[in-house]
Amino acid sequence: MDGNKLTQQSGKRKLWKIVGWGVVAFTVAAAVLLTLRLVLINDEPVITGSLIESAPVETIPVVGGELSSRILFSGTVVTARAVENEARMPSGEVEWAQVFSQFNTFNPEQYDEWIIDMECPVTTNDIPYRTQVQNTVFNCPPTVFPEMSKYFTVANIANNHTRDQGDAGFTESRESIIEGGLQSVGHWDPRESADACEVTAMTVTIDQNNDGPRKAELPVALCAFHHFEKPPIASDFDIISEYAGIMPVIGLMQVGAEYQASSDARQQEVGRALIDAGAEFVVGNSPHWVQETYVYKDKLIVYSTGNFIFDQLDDETNRGLSLDVSVSGELDQNILDWTILAELCKPELFKDDCLTRAKTSNLQKVNLAYEFDIVGSSGGYRQLTQLASNELQRAIEKRADWTNTLQKLGQ
């Protein structure tokens, strides 16, 4: 074989070696990219949807620190009927800021989230005041949201009144709430289990050693059930376990006979069922009166928060119990990864795929601690909703049996 042919064959072999090593290098690089979860952009971690679905994560040491958040859960809100009329100016326009004009008494800036029971359809329909009173068919105009969204972040609509205007009214209400800047959770029909739970991106403070505090978000599931009309069946609460296995779940319930000072058997059944299914604690409403609290399996159940903004006039319906929850957790890489996932769990994304992504991203359930307090309120109509006086606060705590509850919780 002549020298030219040997040189050509040697060159080809070198070329194939180069190509082969290039393929190997490309494959290794691709594998590394597929296993990465975090990408730094301007020194901030960013996660991509395609990577989080399947990428395993190695635990990266964190220098310590803590997570904290503060949430307020308030009772019935109905910005209709006399509440709307009292805020109406001579021109006919409703000055919604008037309804919330005493909210500074609650120091709202101290809360990261504020969750309410929205017991009213939110539609553009014009239903006269007298019709709303006589037929108990409510309508809360969506024009309230520019003011309401300054304070509240989540509206629970799992109750009997959100269907006052039928299924179409319920659907419009949910859309109006989301467009208004609040997250919506729950369904009037407890058999609609697919709508019972929503993942919310709870605002938290991350205080990482040497870095100072910063705001972030942590996915938490809210699961809301309406059993004022339909009695509960065991399968109603199966949906909770799908969330509780991977993230914290807060249970919300609308159940109980109206205008009663203590809980009934159905309230107790539903509250305990939510805990058994995996809820961290339970906040209930429906009776329009403040009721007792209870500790079941070392977890808190608030049976009824009472009214918060409503046009009922007697003393019982003009006072409310808001549950003040301080959330804390030790900071680790798992929590930091959860805060990145939270970017996919925004309120405007109704029925997002946050739960699915969480399950496929090798994240572990966050271990959080909860401390509870109650904040009394008064008013709602002729007296604008405001922080309760010291005397009323003591009366609300007594009704709630709060001292005994705190002792059982170890607080």
Protein backbone atom coordinates (compact mmCIF):
# COMPACT_ATOMS: atom_id res chain seq x y z
CA MET A 1 0.00 0.00 0.00
CA ASP A 2 1.48 3.34 -0.99
CA GLY A 3 2.20 6.14 1.48
CA ASN A 4 -0.60 8.42 0.24
CA LYS A 5 -3.27 5.80 1.01
CA LEU A 6 -1.79 5.15 4.49
CA THR A 7 -1.84 8.89 5.19
CA GLN A 8 -5.49 9.17 4.04
CA GLN A 9 -6.61 6.23 6.20
CA SER A 10 -4.74 7.59 9.21
CA GLY A 11 -6.41 10.94 8.69
CA LYS A 12 -9.84 9.34 8.53
CA ARG A 13 -9.19 7.42 11.75
CA LYS A 14 -8.16 10.65 13.49
CA LEU A 15 -11.26 12.37 12.16
CA TRP A 16 -13.56 9.62 13.47
CA LYS A 17 -11.81 9.77 16.86
CA ILE A 18 -12.45 13.51 17.00
CA VAL A 19 -16.11 13.01 16.04
CA GLY A 20 -16.49 10.20 18.57
CA TRP A 21 -15.04 12.23 21.43
CA GLY A 22 -17.23 15.16 20.38
CA VAL A 23 -20.36 13.00 20.65
CA VAL A 24 -19.26 11.81 24.10
CA ALA A 25 -18.61 15.37 25.24
CA PHE A 26 -22.00 16.53 23.93
CA THR A 27 -23.78 13.65 25.67
CA VAL A 28 -22.09 14.40 28.99
CA ALA A 29 -22.91 18.09 28.69
CA ALA A 30 -26.56 17.31 27.90
CA ALA A 31 -26.79 14.98 30.89
CA VAL A 32 -25.39 17.66 33.16
CA LEU A 33 -27.92 20.19 31.88
CA LEU A 34 -30.79 17.79 32.39
CA THR A 35 -29.82 17.20 36.01
CA LEU A 36 -29.41 20.85 36.85
CA ARG A 37 -32.39 22.45 38.58
CA LEU A 38 -31.13 25.94 39.18
CA VAL A 39 -29.80 28.47 36.73
CA LEU A 40 -28.34 31.74 37.90
CA ILE A 41 -29.52 34.82 36.06
CA ASN A 42 -28.20 38.07 37.52
CA ASP A 43 -27.25 36.08 40.64
CA GLU A 44 -30.88 34.97 41.18
CA PRO A 45 -32.01 31.32 40.89
CA VAL A 46 -34.46 30.65 38.08
CA ILE A 47 -36.15 27.36 37.28
CA THR A 48 -37.45 26.22 33.92
CA GLY A 49 -40.65 24.24 33.51
CA SER A 50 -39.04 21.50 31.44
CA LEU A 51 -36.28 20.84 33.96
CA ILE A 52 -38.37 20.75 37.09
CA GLU A 53 -40.62 18.00 35.79
CA SER A 54 -38.00 15.27 35.85
CA ALA A 55 -34.70 16.54 37.22
CA PRO A 56 -33.39 14.98 40.43
CA VAL A 57 -31.72 17.37 42.83
CA GLU A 58 -28.68 16.86 44.97
CA THR A 59 -28.91 18.44 48.38
CA ILE A 60 -26.77 21.56 48.51
CA PRO A 61 -25.69 22.71 51.99
CA VAL A 62 -27.33 25.92 53.18
CA VAL A 63 -25.72 28.17 55.75
CA GLY A 64 -28.91 28.22 57.84
CA GLY A 65 -31.64 30.72 58.45
CA GLU A 66 -35.41 30.63 58.70
CA LEU A 67 -38.67 31.08 56.82
CA SER A 68 -41.60 33.02 58.24
CA SER A 69 -45.05 34.19 57.19
CA ARG A 70 -48.17 35.61 58.79
CA ILE A 71 -51.70 34.88 57.59
CA LEU A 72 -55.06 36.25 58.72
CA PHE A 73 -58.27 34.25 58.19
CA SER A 74 -61.47 36.29 58.47
CA GLY A 75 -65.14 35.35 58.25
CA THR A 76 -68.14 36.24 56.10
CA VAL A 77 -67.72 39.07 53.62
CA VAL A 78 -70.79 40.31 51.72
CA THR A 79 -70.28 43.70 50.08
CA ALA A 80 -73.88 43.79 48.86
CA ARG A 81 -77.25 45.12 50.00
CA ALA A 82 -76.92 47.72 52.79
CA VAL A 83 -73.10 47.59 52.78
CA GLU A 84 -73.15 48.81 49.19
CA ASN A 85 -75.91 51.35 49.83
CA GLU A 86 -74.09 52.89 52.80
CA ALA A 87 -71.07 53.50 50.56
CA ARG A 88 -73.14 55.08 47.78
CA MET A 89 -72.52 58.80 47.21
CA PRO A 90 -75.21 61.32 46.13
CA SER A 91 -73.98 60.92 42.56
CA GLY A 92 -74.96 57.24 42.67
CA GLU A 93 -71.38 56.03 42.50
CA VAL A 94 -70.24 53.63 45.22
CA GLU A 95 -67.20 54.77 47.19
CA TRP A 96 -65.82 51.35 48.08
CA ALA A 97 -62.95 52.84 50.05
CA GLN A 98 -65.53 53.73 52.70
CA VAL A 99 -66.18 50.04 53.42
CA PHE A 100 -62.50 49.47 54.25
CA SER A 101 -61.79 52.86 55.82
CA GLN A 102 -61.21 51.44 59.33
CA PHE A 103 -58.94 48.59 58.22
CA ASN A 104 -55.90 50.52 59.40
CA THR A 105 -56.92 49.41 62.92
CA PHE A 106 -55.85 45.86 61.98
CA ASN A 107 -52.37 47.01 60.87
CA PRO A 108 -52.81 45.11 57.60
CA GLU A 109 -49.19 45.60 56.56
CA GLN A 110 -48.14 42.98 59.13
CA TYR A 111 -49.92 40.19 57.20
CA ASP A 112 -48.50 38.42 54.18
CA GLU A 113 -51.86 36.88 53.22
CA TRP A 114 -55.46 37.66 54.19
CA ILE A 115 -58.06 34.98 53.44
CA ILE A 116 -61.84 35.57 53.60
CA ASP A 117 -65.15 33.79 53.04
CA MET A 118 -66.76 35.54 50.07
CA GLU A 119 -70.42 34.63 50.57
CA CYS A 120 -71.75 36.49 47.60
CA PRO A 121 -71.90 36.11 43.82
CA VAL A 122 -69.68 38.66 42.12
CA THR A 123 -71.37 39.55 38.83
CA THR A 124 -72.24 42.54 36.68
CA ASN A 125 -75.95 41.76 37.08
CA ASP A 126 -78.14 44.53 38.51
CA ILE A 127 -80.23 43.05 41.32
CA PRO A 128 -82.27 45.66 43.24
CA TYR A 129 -81.65 46.04 46.96
CA ARG A 130 -85.20 45.00 47.89
CA THR A 131 -84.94 41.83 45.78
CA GLN A 132 -81.69 40.90 47.48
CA VAL A 133 -83.28 41.36 50.91
CA GLN A 134 -86.60 39.65 50.26
CA ASN A 135 -85.29 36.72 48.20
CA THR A 136 -81.86 36.40 49.84
CA VAL A 137 -80.22 36.57 46.43
CA PHE A 138 -77.01 38.51 46.82
CA ASN A 139 -74.88 40.31 44.27
CA CYS A 140 -71.52 41.95 44.98
CA PRO A 141 -70.41 44.24 42.14
CA PRO A 142 -66.89 43.53 40.84
CA THR A 143 -66.15 47.26 41.12
CA VAL A 144 -65.26 46.52 44.75
CA PHE A 145 -61.99 44.79 43.84
CA PRO A 146 -59.69 47.78 43.34
CA GLU A 147 -60.20 48.51 47.04
CA MET A 148 -60.72 44.96 48.31
CA SER A 149 -57.54 43.66 46.69
CA LYS A 150 -55.49 46.14 48.73
CA TYR A 151 -56.16 43.91 51.73
CA PHE A 152 -57.44 40.45 50.84
CA THR A 153 -55.50 37.91 48.80
CA VAL A 154 -57.71 34.78 48.71
CA ALA A 155 -61.50 34.35 48.56
CA ASN A 156 -63.08 31.08 49.65
CA ILE A 157 -66.25 30.60 47.57
CA ALA A 158 -67.27 27.17 48.87
CA ASN A 159 -70.63 28.23 50.30
CA ASN A 160 -74.34 28.30 49.53
CA HIS A 161 -74.65 31.96 48.51
CA THR A 162 -72.11 31.94 45.67
CA ARG A 163 -74.73 29.97 43.74
CA ASP A 164 -77.54 32.47 44.38
CA GLN A 165 -77.51 33.28 40.65
CA GLY A 166 -77.10 29.70 39.40
CA ASP A 167 -74.15 27.96 37.84
CA ALA A 168 -73.51 30.78 35.38
CA GLY A 169 -73.37 33.27 38.24
CA PHE A 170 -70.96 31.03 40.14
CA THR A 171 -68.63 30.74 37.14
CA GLU A 172 -68.71 34.49 36.55
CA SER A 173 -67.99 35.07 40.24
CA ARG A 174 -64.87 32.95 40.13
CA GLU A 175 -63.65 34.71 37.00
CA SER A 176 -64.39 38.14 38.51
CA ILE A 177 -62.50 37.32 41.69
CA ILE A 178 -59.42 36.22 39.76
CA GLU A 179 -59.58 39.23 37.45
CA GLY A 180 -59.96 41.40 40.53
CA GLY A 181 -56.59 40.27 41.86
CA LEU A 182 -57.60 37.63 44.42
CA GLN A 183 -57.18 33.89 44.29
CA SER A 184 -60.35 31.81 44.30
CA VAL A 185 -60.72 28.46 46.05
CA GLY A 186 -63.56 26.00 46.47
CA HIS A 187 -66.91 25.16 44.89
CA TRP A 188 -70.46 25.43 46.16
CA ASP A 189 -70.95 21.71 45.41
CA PRO A 190 -68.77 19.47 47.64
CA ARG A 191 -69.02 16.68 45.06
CA GLU A 192 -66.99 18.84 42.65
CA SER A 193 -63.81 17.58 44.25
CA ALA A 194 -61.57 18.79 41.42
CA ASP A 195 -62.35 22.38 42.47
CA ALA A 196 -61.96 21.86 46.22
CA CYS A 197 -58.22 22.52 46.42
CA GLU A 198 -56.00 25.19 44.95
CA VAL A 199 -52.30 25.75 45.42
CA THR A 200 -51.51 29.26 46.52
CA ALA A 201 -48.11 30.93 46.44
CA MET A 202 -47.96 32.02 50.08
CA THR A 203 -45.80 35.09 50.61
CA VAL A 204 -42.95 34.35 53.02
CA THR A 205 -39.84 36.02 54.35
CA ILE A 206 -36.56 34.19 53.82
CA ASP A 207 -33.94 35.23 56.36
CA GLN A 208 -30.80 33.45 55.24
CA ASN A 209 -27.69 33.87 57.34
CA ASN A 210 -25.43 36.70 56.18
CA ASP A 211 -27.85 37.70 53.39
CA GLY A 212 -30.59 39.50 55.32
CA PRO A 213 -34.38 39.01 54.86
CA ARG A 214 -36.04 38.91 51.47
CA LYS A 215 -39.54 38.14 50.24
CA ALA A 216 -40.32 34.89 48.45
CA GLU A 217 -43.28 32.56 47.91
CA LEU A 218 -44.01 29.04 49.11
CA PRO A 219 -46.64 26.73 47.58
CA VAL A 220 -49.35 25.75 50.08
CA ALA A 221 -52.67 24.05 49.30
CA LEU A 222 -56.02 25.49 50.41
CA CYS A 223 -58.84 22.94 50.42
CA ALA A 224 -62.38 24.31 50.93
CA PHE A 225 -65.61 22.37 51.43
CA HIS A 226 -69.25 23.46 51.64
CA HIS A 227 -71.45 21.22 53.78
CA PHE A 228 -74.09 23.64 55.02
CA GLU A 229 -76.57 22.04 52.60
CA LYS A 230 -75.24 18.65 51.54
CA PRO A 231 -74.15 16.22 54.27
CA PRO A 232 -70.57 15.00 53.98
CA ILE A 233 -69.55 11.65 52.59
CA ALA A 234 -66.11 10.15 53.12
CA SER A 235 -65.04 10.48 49.49
CA ASP A 236 -65.51 14.27 49.58
CA PHE A 237 -62.18 14.61 51.36
CA ASP A 238 -60.08 12.13 49.38
CA ILE A 239 -58.69 14.97 47.28
CA ILE A 240 -56.84 16.36 50.31
CA SER A 241 -54.45 13.41 50.49
CA GLU A 242 -53.22 14.14 46.95
CA TYR A 243 -51.88 17.46 48.21
CA ALA A 244 -51.04 16.60 51.83
CA GLY A 245 -48.49 14.01 50.77
CA ILE A 246 -46.28 16.65 49.15
CA MET A 247 -47.16 20.07 50.64
CA PRO A 248 -48.88 21.68 53.64
CA VAL A 249 -52.69 21.80 53.41
CA ILE A 250 -54.98 24.29 55.17
CA GLY A 251 -58.59 23.14 55.54
CA LEU A 252 -61.52 25.53 55.10
CA MET A 253 -65.11 24.49 55.78
CA GLN A 254 -68.53 26.08 55.41
CA VAL A 255 -70.82 24.05 57.64
CA GLY A 256 -73.09 24.42 60.65
CA ALA A 257 -76.53 25.67 61.63
CA GLU A 258 -76.86 29.44 61.54
CA TYR A 259 -77.02 31.70 64.58
CA GLN A 260 -75.74 29.19 67.13
CA ALA A 261 -73.13 29.82 69.83
CA SER A 262 -71.55 26.35 69.67
CA SER A 263 -70.73 23.80 67.00
CA ASP A 264 -73.04 20.98 65.98
CA ALA A 265 -72.34 17.33 65.13
CA ARG A 266 -71.86 17.98 61.40
CA GLN A 267 -69.29 20.72 62.01
CA GLN A 268 -67.37 18.40 64.31
CA GLU A 269 -67.53 15.58 61.78
CA VAL A 270 -66.26 17.70 58.90
CA GLY A 271 -63.55 19.43 60.94
CA ARG A 272 -62.12 16.13 62.13
CA ALA A 273 -62.38 14.59 58.67
CA LEU A 274 -60.26 17.40 57.24
CA ILE A 275 -57.59 16.80 59.88
CA ASP A 276 -57.72 13.03 59.30
CA ALA A 277 -57.22 13.64 55.57
CA GLY A 278 -54.07 15.67 56.17
CA ALA A 279 -54.95 19.31 56.92
CA GLU A 280 -52.52 21.19 59.18
CA PHE A 281 -55.40 23.11 60.79
CA VAL A 282 -59.01 23.96 59.94
CA VAL A 283 -60.88 27.27 59.77
CA GLY A 284 -64.67 27.07 59.62
CA ASN A 285 -67.57 29.40 59.04
CA SER A 286 -71.33 29.45 58.24
CA PRO A 287 -73.21 30.15 61.51
CA HIS A 288 -72.53 33.94 61.33
CA TRP A 289 -71.71 33.78 65.04
CA VAL A 290 -68.36 33.19 66.71
CA GLN A 291 -68.09 29.67 68.12
CA GLU A 292 -65.61 27.62 70.11
CA THR A 293 -62.25 26.33 68.99
CA TYR A 294 -61.06 22.78 69.47
CA VAL A 295 -57.86 20.71 69.38
CA TYR A 296 -58.06 17.36 67.58
CA LYS A 297 -54.96 15.19 67.22
CA ASP A 298 -52.88 18.19 68.34
CA LYS A 299 -54.27 20.32 65.51
CA LEU A 300 -56.49 23.38 65.69
CA ILE A 301 -60.10 23.55 64.51
CA VAL A 302 -61.91 26.91 64.50
CA TYR A 303 -65.58 26.05 64.13
CA SER A 304 -66.88 29.49 63.20
CA THR A 305 -65.19 32.83 62.60
CA GLY A 306 -68.53 34.68 62.39
CA ASN A 307 -69.16 37.72 60.21
CA PHE A 308 -66.54 40.19 59.08
CA ILE A 309 -68.30 42.51 56.62
CA PHE A 310 -72.07 42.01 56.45
CA ASP A 311 -75.21 44.09 56.92
CA GLN A 312 -76.71 42.08 59.77
CA LEU A 313 -77.32 44.27 62.79
CA ASP A 314 -77.48 42.39 66.11
CA ASP A 315 -74.53 42.14 68.48
CA GLU A 316 -73.69 38.52 67.65
CA THR A 317 -73.58 39.05 63.89
CA ASN A 318 -71.62 42.28 64.29
CA ARG A 319 -68.59 40.66 65.84
CA GLY A 320 -66.05 38.35 64.29
CA LEU A 321 -63.05 36.17 65.06
CA SER A 322 -60.10 36.33 62.69
CA LEU A 323 -57.44 33.67 63.07
CA ASP A 324 -53.90 35.09 63.11
CA VAL A 325 -51.40 32.39 62.06
CA SER A 326 -47.63 32.80 62.34
CA VAL A 327 -45.80 30.27 60.15
CA SER A 328 -42.14 29.36 60.58
CA GLY A 329 -39.63 26.82 59.32
CA GLU A 330 -35.91 26.11 59.36
CA LEU A 331 -34.34 27.11 56.08
CA ASP A 332 -32.77 24.42 53.93
CA GLN A 333 -32.20 23.77 50.25
CA ASN A 334 -35.54 21.98 49.95
CA ILE A 335 -37.39 25.13 51.02
CA LEU A 336 -35.36 27.24 48.61
CA ASP A 337 -36.28 24.85 45.78
CA TRP A 338 -39.96 25.14 46.76
CA THR A 339 -39.78 28.92 46.54
CA ILE A 340 -38.55 28.56 42.96
CA LEU A 341 -41.43 26.23 42.11
CA ALA A 342 -43.80 28.88 43.50
CA GLU A 343 -43.25 30.90 40.33
CA LEU A 344 -45.54 28.35 38.65
CA CYS A 345 -48.28 28.68 41.30
CA LYS A 346 -49.63 32.16 40.67
CA PRO A 347 -53.23 33.06 41.56
CA GLU A 348 -54.04 34.08 37.99
CA LEU A 349 -53.29 30.53 36.84
CA PHE A 350 -56.52 28.79 37.85
CA LYS A 351 -56.03 25.03 37.62
CA ASP A 352 -52.28 25.31 37.12
CA ASP A 353 -50.06 22.22 37.16
CA CYS A 354 -48.20 23.13 40.34
CA LEU A 355 -49.16 19.91 42.15
CA THR A 356 -48.00 17.75 39.24
CA ARG A 357 -44.72 19.60 38.94
CA ALA A 358 -44.13 19.30 42.67
CA LYS A 359 -44.69 15.55 42.60
CA THR A 360 -42.27 15.03 39.70
CA SER A 361 -39.48 17.30 40.90
CA ASN A 362 -38.23 15.24 43.86
CA LEU A 363 -39.15 17.96 46.33
CA GLN A 364 -39.89 16.92 49.90
CA LYS A 365 -42.79 18.15 52.00
CA VAL A 366 -41.84 21.24 53.97
CA ASN A 367 -42.00 20.92 57.73
CA LEU A 368 -43.62 24.07 59.12
CA ALA A 369 -44.57 25.20 62.62
CA TYR A 370 -47.70 27.22 63.42
CA GLU A 371 -48.54 29.60 66.23
CA PHE A 372 -52.06 30.90 66.60
CA ASP A 373 -53.79 33.97 67.96
CA ILE A 374 -57.22 35.46 67.45
CA VAL A 375 -58.07 39.00 66.44
CA GLY A 376 -61.54 40.27 67.30
CA SER A 377 -63.50 42.63 65.08
CA SER A 378 -66.73 44.59 65.31
CA GLY A 379 -69.10 46.20 62.85
CA GLY A 380 -69.70 45.49 59.22
CA TYR A 381 -72.49 47.88 58.25
CA ARG A 382 -73.58 50.94 60.25
CA GLN A 383 -70.40 50.63 62.22
CA LEU A 384 -67.59 50.02 59.77
CA THR A 385 -65.55 46.86 60.33
CA GLN A 386 -62.70 47.58 62.72
CA LEU A 387 -60.54 46.06 65.43
CA ALA A 388 -62.54 44.97 68.47
CA SER A 389 -62.36 46.88 71.73
CA ASN A 390 -60.49 45.23 74.61
CA GLU A 391 -63.79 44.28 76.21
CA LEU A 392 -65.14 42.69 73.03
CA GLN A 393 -61.82 40.92 72.41
CA ARG A 394 -62.12 39.27 75.83
CA ALA A 395 -65.70 38.21 75.10
CA ILE A 396 -64.67 36.67 71.77
CA GLU A 397 -61.79 34.80 73.40
CA LYS A 398 -64.15 33.48 76.07
CA ARG A 399 -66.64 32.24 73.43
CA ALA A 400 -63.78 30.60 71.56
CA ASP A 401 -62.53 28.91 74.76
CA TRP A 402 -59.20 30.27 73.65
CA THR A 403 -57.20 29.91 76.85
CA ASN A 404 -57.90 26.18 77.05
CA THR A 405 -57.21 25.75 73.33
CA LEU A 406 -53.81 27.43 73.59
CA GLN A 407 -52.88 25.20 76.52
CA LYS A 408 -53.77 22.08 74.55
CA LEU A 409 -51.72 23.35 71.62
CA GLY A 410 -48.76 23.91 73.92
CA GLN A 411 -48.59 27.65 73.29
